[in-house]
Amino acid sequence: MKSSQERLEFSERLQQALRNSDYSPNSPTQLAREFNLRFGGHPVTVHAARKWLQGESIPTQEKLRALAQWLEVPAEWLRFGGVD
């Protein structure tokens, strides 16, 4: 089980990647819409996107890879952060 700290840190990195790509880190609707345009699998709901942004959940590995590719960041960084 992922800790709440892990989920919050993922959320912060996702929001940073969205800002760096000129997307709003405050719009789960936009996140879900843009993600679903690029993801060939089962679409995510606005509720799921909100949970990612608020640090309540972390996407599956498949969705994480798709997010990273869309936002042009390493999937490992998005999931785990940088190496200190």
PDB file of N, CA and C in Angstrom:
ATOM      1  N   MET A   1       0.838  -1.195   0.000  1.00  0.00           N
ATOM      2  CA  MET A   1       0.000   0.000   0.000  1.00  0.00           C
ATOM      3  C   MET A   1       0.878   1.253   0.000  1.00  0.00           C
ATOM      4  N   LYS A   2       0.478   2.211  -0.795  1.00  0.00           N
ATOM      5  CA  LYS A   2       1.254   3.440  -0.909  1.00  0.00           C
ATOM      6  C   LYS A   2       0.923   4.369   0.254  1.00  0.00           C
ATOM      7  N   SER A   3       1.949   4.994   0.798  1.00  0.00           N
ATOM      8  CA  SER A   3       1.735   5.892   1.935  1.00  0.00           C
ATOM      9  C   SER A   3       1.140   7.214   1.466  1.00  0.00           C
ATOM     10  N   SER A   4       0.516   7.914   2.390  1.00  0.00           N
ATOM     11  CA  SER A   4      -0.056   9.210   2.039  1.00  0.00           C
ATOM     12  C   SER A   4       1.041  10.176   1.595  1.00  0.00           C
ATOM     13  N   GLN A   5       2.229  10.045   2.168  1.00  0.00           N
ATOM     14  CA  GLN A   5       3.342  10.906   1.757  1.00  0.00           C
ATOM     15  C   GLN A   5       3.720  10.640   0.300  1.00  0.00           C
ATOM     16  N   GLU A   6       3.771   9.368  -0.095  1.00  0.00           N
ATOM     17  CA  GLU A   6       4.065   9.020  -1.490  1.00  0.00           C
ATOM     18  C   GLU A   6       3.032   9.620  -2.431  1.00  0.00           C
ATOM     19  N   ARG A   7       1.768   9.527  -2.041  1.00  0.00           N
ATOM     20  CA  ARG A   7       0.694  10.054  -2.898  1.00  0.00           C
ATOM     21  C   ARG A   7       0.791  11.568  -3.014  1.00  0.00           C
ATOM     22  N   LEU A   8       1.087  12.242  -1.906  1.00  0.00           N
ATOM     23  CA  LEU A   8       1.227  13.703  -1.946  1.00  0.00           C
ATOM     24  C   LEU A   8       2.413  14.129  -2.800  1.00  0.00           C
ATOM     25  N   GLU A   9       3.521  13.427  -2.673  1.00  0.00           N
ATOM     26  CA  GLU A   9       4.704  13.774  -3.469  1.00  0.00           C
ATOM     27  C   GLU A   9       4.450  13.530  -4.951  1.00  0.00           C
ATOM     28  N   PHE A  10       3.739  12.438  -5.283  1.00  0.00           N
ATOM     29  CA  PHE A  10       3.374  12.204  -6.676  1.00  0.00           C
ATOM     30  C   PHE A  10       2.516  13.363  -7.185  1.00  0.00           C
ATOM     31  N   SER A  11       1.538  13.764  -6.385  1.00  0.00           N
ATOM     32  CA  SER A  11       0.643  14.852  -6.759  1.00  0.00           C
ATOM     33  C   SER A  11       1.424  16.132  -7.049  1.00  0.00           C
ATOM     34  N   GLU A  12       2.400  16.440  -6.206  1.00  0.00           N
ATOM     35  CA  GLU A  12       3.216  17.645  -6.408  1.00  0.00           C
ATOM     36  C   GLU A  12       3.998  17.564  -7.716  1.00  0.00           C
ATOM     37  N   ARG A  13       4.554  16.398  -8.018  1.00  0.00           N
ATOM     38  CA  ARG A  13       5.297  16.246  -9.281  1.00  0.00           C
ATOM     39  C   ARG A  13       4.366  16.330 -10.484  1.00  0.00           C
ATOM     40  N   LEU A  14       3.189  15.743 -10.374  1.00  0.00           N
ATOM     41  CA  LEU A  14       2.217  15.822 -11.471  1.00  0.00           C
ATOM     42  C   LEU A  14       1.824  17.275 -11.714  1.00  0.00           C
ATOM     43  N   GLN A  15       1.541  18.011 -10.650  1.00  0.00           N
ATOM     44  CA  GLN A  15       1.166  19.416 -10.802  1.00  0.00           C
ATOM     45  C   GLN A  15       2.303  20.223 -11.422  1.00  0.00           C
ATOM     46  N   GLN A  16       3.528  19.951 -11.018  1.00  0.00           N
ATOM     47  CA  GLN A  16       4.685  20.645 -11.588  1.00  0.00           C
ATOM     48  C   GLN A  16       4.806  20.334 -13.077  1.00  0.00           C
ATOM     49  N   ALA A  17       4.652  19.063 -13.452  1.00  0.00           N
ATOM     50  CA  ALA A  17       4.747  18.675 -14.858  1.00  0.00           C
ATOM     51  C   ALA A  17       3.637  19.320 -15.682  1.00  0.00           C
ATOM     52  N   LEU A  18       2.444  19.415 -15.122  1.00  0.00           N
ATOM     53  CA  LEU A  18       1.349  20.079 -15.827  1.00  0.00           C
ATOM     54  C   LEU A  18       1.659  21.551 -16.051  1.00  0.00           C
ATOM     55  N   ARG A  19       2.128  22.241 -14.994  1.00  0.00           N
ATOM     56  CA  ARG A  19       2.485  23.667 -15.134  1.00  0.00           C
ATOM     57  C   ARG A  19       3.574  23.851 -16.190  1.00  0.00           C
ATOM     58  N   ASN A  20       4.578  22.983 -16.164  1.00  0.00           N
ATOM     59  CA  ASN A  20       5.680  23.095 -17.116  1.00  0.00           C
ATOM     60  C   ASN A  20       5.224  22.876 -18.551  1.00  0.00           C
ATOM     61  N   SER A  21       4.103  22.171 -18.723  1.00  0.00           N
ATOM     62  CA  SER A  21       3.556  21.911 -20.059  1.00  0.00           C
ATOM     63  C   SER A  21       2.395  22.846 -20.394  1.00  0.00           C
ATOM     64  N   ASP A  22       2.247  23.912 -19.609  1.00  0.00           N
ATOM     65  CA  ASP A  22       1.206  24.928 -19.824  1.00  0.00           C
ATOM     66  C   ASP A  22      -0.209  24.396 -19.674  1.00  0.00           C
ATOM     67  N   TYR A  23      -0.389  23.480 -18.726  1.00  0.00           N
ATOM     68  CA  TYR A  23      -1.727  23.016 -18.351  1.00  0.00           C
ATOM     69  C   TYR A  23      -1.986  23.445 -16.911  1.00  0.00           C
ATOM     70  N   SER A  24      -3.248  23.583 -16.580  1.00  0.00           N
ATOM     71  CA  SER A  24      -3.594  23.976 -15.217  1.00  0.00           C
ATOM     72  C   SER A  24      -3.445  22.789 -14.270  1.00  0.00           C
ATOM     73  N   PRO A  25      -2.738  22.979 -13.145  1.00  0.00           N
ATOM     74  CA  PRO A  25      -2.666  21.912 -12.149  1.00  0.00           C
ATOM     75  C   PRO A  25      -3.912  21.877 -11.265  1.00  0.00           C
ATOM     76  N   ASN A  26      -4.864  22.754 -11.543  1.00  0.00           N
ATOM     77  CA  ASN A  26      -6.065  22.871 -10.709  1.00  0.00           C
ATOM     78  C   ASN A  26      -7.329  22.416 -11.421  1.00  0.00           C
ATOM     79  N   SER A  27      -7.189  21.734 -12.566  1.00  0.00           N
ATOM     80  CA  SER A  27      -8.371  21.348 -13.336  1.00  0.00           C
ATOM     81  C   SER A  27      -8.401  19.852 -13.596  1.00  0.00           C
ATOM     82  N   PRO A  28      -9.070  19.103 -12.728  1.00  0.00           N
ATOM     83  CA  PRO A  28      -9.186  17.671 -12.996  1.00  0.00           C
ATOM     84  C   PRO A  28      -9.944  17.381 -14.290  1.00  0.00           C
ATOM     85  N   THR A  29     -10.863  18.280 -14.666  1.00  0.00           N
ATOM     86  CA  THR A  29     -11.613  18.084 -15.918  1.00  0.00           C
ATOM     87  C   THR A  29     -10.663  18.144 -17.106  1.00  0.00           C
ATOM     88  N   GLN A  30      -9.800  19.155 -17.112  1.00  0.00           N
ATOM     89  CA  GLN A  30      -8.834  19.286 -18.201  1.00  0.00           C
ATOM     90  C   GLN A  30      -7.852  18.112 -18.193  1.00  0.00           C
ATOM     91  N   LEU A  31      -7.386  17.726 -17.025  1.00  0.00           N
ATOM     92  CA  LEU A  31      -6.451  16.614 -16.921  1.00  0.00           C
ATOM     93  C   LEU A  31      -7.079  15.341 -17.489  1.00  0.00           C
ATOM     94  N   ALA A  32      -8.294  15.029 -17.088  1.00  0.00           N
ATOM     95  CA  ALA A  32      -8.958  13.820 -17.581  1.00  0.00           C
ATOM     96  C   ALA A  32      -9.159  13.890 -19.093  1.00  0.00           C
ATOM     97  N   ARG A  33      -9.622  15.034 -19.584  1.00  0.00           N
ATOM     98  CA  ARG A  33      -9.876  15.171 -21.021  1.00  0.00           C
ATOM     99  C   ARG A  33      -8.593  15.005 -21.829  1.00  0.00           C
ATOM    100  N   GLU A  34      -7.547  15.743 -21.439  1.00  0.00           N
ATOM    101  CA  GLU A  34      -6.292  15.679 -22.186  1.00  0.00           C
ATOM    102  C   GLU A  34      -5.646  14.295 -22.089  1.00  0.00           C
ATOM    103  N   PHE A  35      -5.714  13.694 -20.903  1.00  0.00           N
ATOM    104  CA  PHE A  35      -5.157  12.353 -20.727  1.00  0.00           C
ATOM    105  C   PHE A  35      -5.890  11.352 -21.623  1.00  0.00           C
ATOM    106  N   ASN A  36      -7.211  11.394 -21.605  1.00  0.00           N
ATOM    107  CA  ASN A  36      -8.002  10.424 -22.366  1.00  0.00           C
ATOM    108  C   ASN A  36      -7.808  10.563 -23.871  1.00  0.00           C
ATOM    109  N   LEU A  37      -7.488  11.780 -24.335  1.00  0.00           N
ATOM    110  CA  LEU A  37      -7.194  11.973 -25.758  1.00  0.00           C
ATOM    111  C   LEU A  37      -5.948  11.200 -26.175  1.00  0.00           C
ATOM    112  N   ARG A  38      -5.045  10.959 -25.238  1.00  0.00           N
ATOM    113  CA  ARG A  38      -3.749  10.367 -25.541  1.00  0.00           C
ATOM    114  C   ARG A  38      -3.617   8.915 -25.090  1.00  0.00           C
ATOM    115  N   PHE A  39      -4.582   8.429 -24.346  1.00  0.00           N
ATOM    116  CA  PHE A  39      -4.475   7.097 -23.734  1.00  0.00           C
ATOM    117  C   PHE A  39      -5.405   6.131 -24.450  1.00  0.00           C
ATOM    118  N   GLY A  40      -4.850   5.027 -24.925  1.00  0.00           N
ATOM    119  CA  GLY A  40      -5.635   4.062 -25.680  1.00  0.00           C
ATOM    120  C   GLY A  40      -6.435   3.099 -24.826  1.00  0.00           C
ATOM    121  N   GLY A  41      -6.176   3.067 -23.546  1.00  0.00           N
ATOM    122  CA  GLY A  41      -6.865   2.138 -22.664  1.00  0.00           C
ATOM    123  C   GLY A  41      -8.168   2.708 -22.128  1.00  0.00           C
ATOM    124  N   HIS A  42      -8.613   2.145 -21.042  1.00  0.00           N
ATOM    125  CA  HIS A  42      -9.857   2.582 -20.400  1.00  0.00           C
ATOM    126  C   HIS A  42      -9.705   4.030 -19.938  1.00  0.00           C
ATOM    127  N   PRO A  43     -10.620   4.917 -20.325  1.00  0.00           N
ATOM    128  CA  PRO A  43     -10.481   6.328 -19.949  1.00  0.00           C
ATOM    129  C   PRO A  43     -10.599   6.549 -18.447  1.00  0.00           C
ATOM    130  N   VAL A  44      -9.985   7.621 -17.996  1.00  0.00           N
ATOM    131  CA  VAL A  44     -10.096   7.974 -16.583  1.00  0.00           C
ATOM    132  C   VAL A  44     -11.246   8.962 -16.411  1.00  0.00           C
ATOM    133  N   THR A  45     -11.822   8.946 -15.236  1.00  0.00           N
ATOM    134  CA  THR A  45     -12.903   9.879 -14.916  1.00  0.00           C
ATOM    135  C   THR A  45     -12.313  11.162 -14.336  1.00  0.00           C
ATOM    136  N   VAL A  46     -13.123  12.194 -14.305  1.00  0.00           N
ATOM    137  CA  VAL A  46     -12.708  13.444 -13.664  1.00  0.00           C
ATOM    138  C   VAL A  46     -12.421  13.169 -12.184  1.00  0.00           C
ATOM    139  N   HIS A  47     -13.209  12.288 -11.587  1.00  0.00           N
ATOM    140  CA  HIS A  47     -12.998  11.935 -10.177  1.00  0.00           C
ATOM    141  C   HIS A  47     -11.612  11.313  -9.976  1.00  0.00           C
ATOM    142  N   ALA A  48     -11.221  10.417 -10.855  1.00  0.00           N
ATOM    143  CA  ALA A  48      -9.893   9.792 -10.745  1.00  0.00           C
ATOM    144  C   ALA A  48      -8.792  10.835 -10.914  1.00  0.00           C
ATOM    145  N   ALA A  49      -8.955  11.727 -11.890  1.00  0.00           N
ATOM    146  CA  ALA A  49      -7.959  12.784 -12.115  1.00  0.00           C
ATOM    147  C   ALA A  49      -7.856  13.692 -10.892  1.00  0.00           C
ATOM    148  N   ARG A  50      -9.003  13.996 -10.277  1.00  0.00           N
ATOM    149  CA  ARG A  50      -8.992  14.830  -9.066  1.00  0.00           C
ATOM    150  C   ARG A  50      -8.199  14.131  -7.956  1.00  0.00           C
ATOM    151  N   LYS A  51      -8.382  12.835  -7.832  1.00  0.00           N
ATOM    152  CA  LYS A  51      -7.657  12.087  -6.795  1.00  0.00           C
ATOM    153  C   LYS A  51      -6.154  12.117  -7.046  1.00  0.00           C
ATOM    154  N   TRP A  52      -5.739  12.079  -8.308  1.00  0.00           N
ATOM    155  CA  TRP A  52      -4.305  12.193  -8.621  1.00  0.00           C
ATOM    156  C   TRP A  52      -3.795  13.562  -8.193  1.00  0.00           C
ATOM    157  N   LEU A  53      -4.547  14.613  -8.540  1.00  0.00           N
ATOM    158  CA  LEU A  53      -4.114  15.981  -8.256  1.00  0.00           C
ATOM    159  C   LEU A  53      -4.122  16.303  -6.767  1.00  0.00           C
ATOM    160  N   GLN A  54      -4.989  15.670  -6.012  1.00  0.00           N
ATOM    161  CA  GLN A  54      -5.093  15.957  -4.583  1.00  0.00           C
ATOM    162  C   GLN A  54      -4.271  15.005  -3.722  1.00  0.00           C
ATOM    163  N   GLY A  55      -3.527  14.116  -4.358  1.00  0.00           N
ATOM    164  CA  GLY A  55      -2.678  13.210  -3.588  1.00  0.00           C
ATOM    165  C   GLY A  55      -3.446  12.108  -2.885  1.00  0.00           C
ATOM    166  N   GLU A  56      -4.597  11.742  -3.431  1.00  0.00           N
ATOM    167  CA  GLU A  56      -5.388  10.673  -2.835  1.00  0.00           C
ATOM    168  C   GLU A  56      -5.114   9.324  -3.484  1.00  0.00           C
ATOM    169  N   SER A  57      -4.551   9.336  -4.692  1.00  0.00           N
ATOM    170  CA  SER A  57      -4.224   8.078  -5.356  1.00  0.00           C
ATOM    171  C   SER A  57      -3.110   8.301  -6.369  1.00  0.00           C
ATOM    172  N   ILE A  58      -2.503   7.202  -6.769  1.00  0.00           N
ATOM    173  CA  ILE A  58      -1.452   7.194  -7.791  1.00  0.00           C
ATOM    174  C   ILE A  58      -1.958   6.298  -8.918  1.00  0.00           C
ATOM    175  N   PRO A  59      -1.812   6.741 -10.170  1.00  0.00           N
ATOM    176  CA  PRO A  59      -2.327   5.926 -11.273  1.00  0.00           C
ATOM    177  C   PRO A  59      -1.588   4.601 -11.421  1.00  0.00           C
ATOM    178  N   THR A  60      -2.206   3.687 -12.155  1.00  0.00           N
ATOM    179  CA  THR A  60      -1.551   2.418 -12.467  1.00  0.00           C
ATOM    180  C   THR A  60      -0.292   2.688 -13.282  1.00  0.00           C
ATOM    181  N   GLN A  61       0.572   1.701 -13.350  1.00  0.00           N
ATOM    182  CA  GLN A  61       1.825   1.851 -14.092  1.00  0.00           C
ATOM    183  C   GLN A  61       1.558   2.220 -15.555  1.00  0.00           C
ATOM    184  N   GLU A  62       0.564   1.599 -16.159  1.00  0.00           N
ATOM    185  CA  GLU A  62       0.235   1.884 -17.556  1.00  0.00           C
ATOM    186  C   GLU A  62      -0.188   3.345 -17.735  1.00  0.00           C
ATOM    187  N   LYS A  63      -1.032   3.835 -16.840  1.00  0.00           N
ATOM    188  CA  LYS A  63      -1.479   5.233 -16.922  1.00  0.00           C
ATOM    189  C   LYS A  63      -0.348   6.191 -16.563  1.00  0.00           C
ATOM    190  N   LEU A  64       0.484   5.799 -15.626  1.00  0.00           N
ATOM    191  CA  LEU A  64       1.625   6.624 -15.246  1.00  0.00           C
ATOM    192  C   LEU A  64       2.566   6.817 -16.430  1.00  0.00           C
ATOM    193  N   ARG A  65       2.827   5.739 -17.158  1.00  0.00           N
ATOM    194  CA  ARG A  65       3.684   5.847 -18.352  1.00  0.00           C
ATOM    195  C   ARG A  65       3.071   6.779 -19.386  1.00  0.00           C
ATOM    196  N   ALA A  66       1.753   6.676 -19.576  1.00  0.00           N
ATOM    197  CA  ALA A  66       1.075   7.548 -20.539  1.00  0.00           C
ATOM    198  C   ALA A  66       1.140   9.011 -20.107  1.00  0.00           C
ATOM    199  N   LEU A  67       0.941   9.260 -18.816  1.00  0.00           N
ATOM    200  CA  LEU A  67       1.064  10.630 -18.290  1.00  0.00           C
ATOM    201  C   LEU A  67       2.463  11.179 -18.549  1.00  0.00           C
ATOM    202  N   ALA A  68       3.460  10.379 -18.232  1.00  0.00           N
ATOM    203  CA  ALA A  68       4.851  10.817 -18.381  1.00  0.00           C
ATOM    204  C   ALA A  68       5.177  11.115 -19.839  1.00  0.00           C
ATOM    205  N   GLN A  69       4.703  10.270 -20.732  1.00  0.00           N
ATOM    206  CA  GLN A  69       4.970  10.488 -22.156  1.00  0.00           C
ATOM    207  C   GLN A  69       4.302  11.777 -22.623  1.00  0.00           C
ATOM    208  N   TRP A  70       3.031  11.972 -22.241  1.00  0.00           N
ATOM    209  CA  TRP A  70       2.310  13.184 -22.618  1.00  0.00           C
ATOM    210  C   TRP A  70       3.000  14.428 -22.082  1.00  0.00           C
ATOM    211  N   LEU A  71       3.416  14.403 -20.818  1.00  0.00           N
ATOM    212  CA  LEU A  71       3.990  15.584 -20.177  1.00  0.00           C
ATOM    213  C   LEU A  71       5.499  15.689 -20.367  1.00  0.00           C
ATOM    214  N   GLU A  72       6.065  14.723 -21.099  1.00  0.00           N
ATOM    215  CA  GLU A  72       7.484  14.730 -21.452  1.00  0.00           C
ATOM    216  C   GLU A  72       8.385  14.775 -20.231  1.00  0.00           C
ATOM    217  N   VAL A  73       8.075  13.892 -19.283  1.00  0.00           N
ATOM    218  CA  VAL A  73       8.919  13.719 -18.097  1.00  0.00           C
ATOM    219  C   VAL A  73       9.196  12.225 -17.948  1.00  0.00           C
ATOM    220  N   PRO A  74      10.296  11.870 -17.291  1.00  0.00           N
ATOM    221  CA  PRO A  74      10.559  10.443 -17.068  1.00  0.00           C
ATOM    222  C   PRO A  74       9.497   9.829 -16.148  1.00  0.00           C
ATOM    223  N   ALA A  75       8.994   8.671 -16.522  1.00  0.00           N
ATOM    224  CA  ALA A  75       7.972   7.995 -15.705  1.00  0.00           C
ATOM    225  C   ALA A  75       8.506   7.722 -14.299  1.00  0.00           C
ATOM    226  N   GLU A  76       9.767   7.360 -14.199  1.00  0.00           N
ATOM    227  CA  GLU A  76      10.360   7.071 -12.889  1.00  0.00           C
ATOM    228  C   GLU A  76      10.353   8.320 -11.999  1.00  0.00           C
ATOM    229  N   TRP A  77      10.685   9.469 -12.602  1.00  0.00           N
ATOM    230  CA  TRP A  77      10.644  10.723 -11.833  1.00  0.00           C
ATOM    231  C   TRP A  77       9.217  11.030 -11.380  1.00  0.00           C
ATOM    232  N   LEU A  78       8.258  10.871 -12.312  1.00  0.00           N
ATOM    233  CA  LEU A  78       6.881  11.195 -11.973  1.00  0.00           C
ATOM    234  C   LEU A  78       6.399  10.324 -10.818  1.00  0.00           C
ATOM    235  N   ARG A  79       6.782   9.069 -10.818  1.00  0.00           N
ATOM    236  CA  ARG A  79       6.305   8.156  -9.781  1.00  0.00           C
ATOM    237  C   ARG A  79       7.097   8.286  -8.473  1.00  0.00           C
ATOM    238  N   PHE A  80       8.424   8.403  -8.593  1.00  0.00           N
ATOM    239  CA  PHE A  80       9.258   8.304  -7.387  1.00  0.00           C
ATOM    240  C   PHE A  80      10.031   9.567  -7.041  1.00  0.00           C
ATOM    241  N   GLY A  81      10.128  10.510  -7.960  1.00  0.00           N
ATOM    242  CA  GLY A  81      10.887  11.726  -7.698  1.00  0.00           C
ATOM    243  C   GLY A  81      12.345  11.576  -8.078  1.00  0.00           C
ATOM    244  N   GLY A  82      13.094  12.613  -7.795  1.00  0.00           N
ATOM    245  CA  GLY A  82      14.508  12.621  -8.140  1.00  0.00           C
ATOM    246  C   GLY A  82      15.331  11.872  -7.099  1.00  0.00           C
ATOM    247  N   VAL A  83      16.537  11.551  -7.521  1.00  0.00           N
ATOM    248  CA  VAL A  83      17.467  10.910  -6.622  1.00  0.00           C
ATOM    249  C   VAL A  83      18.230  12.004  -5.870  1.00  0.00           C
ATOM    250  N   ASP A  84      18.140  11.996  -4.579  1.00  0.00           N
ATOM    251  CA  ASP A  84      18.815  13.041  -3.777  1.00  0.00           C
ATOM    252  C   ASP A  84      20.285  12.758  -3.617  1.00  0.00           C
TER     253      ASP A  84
END
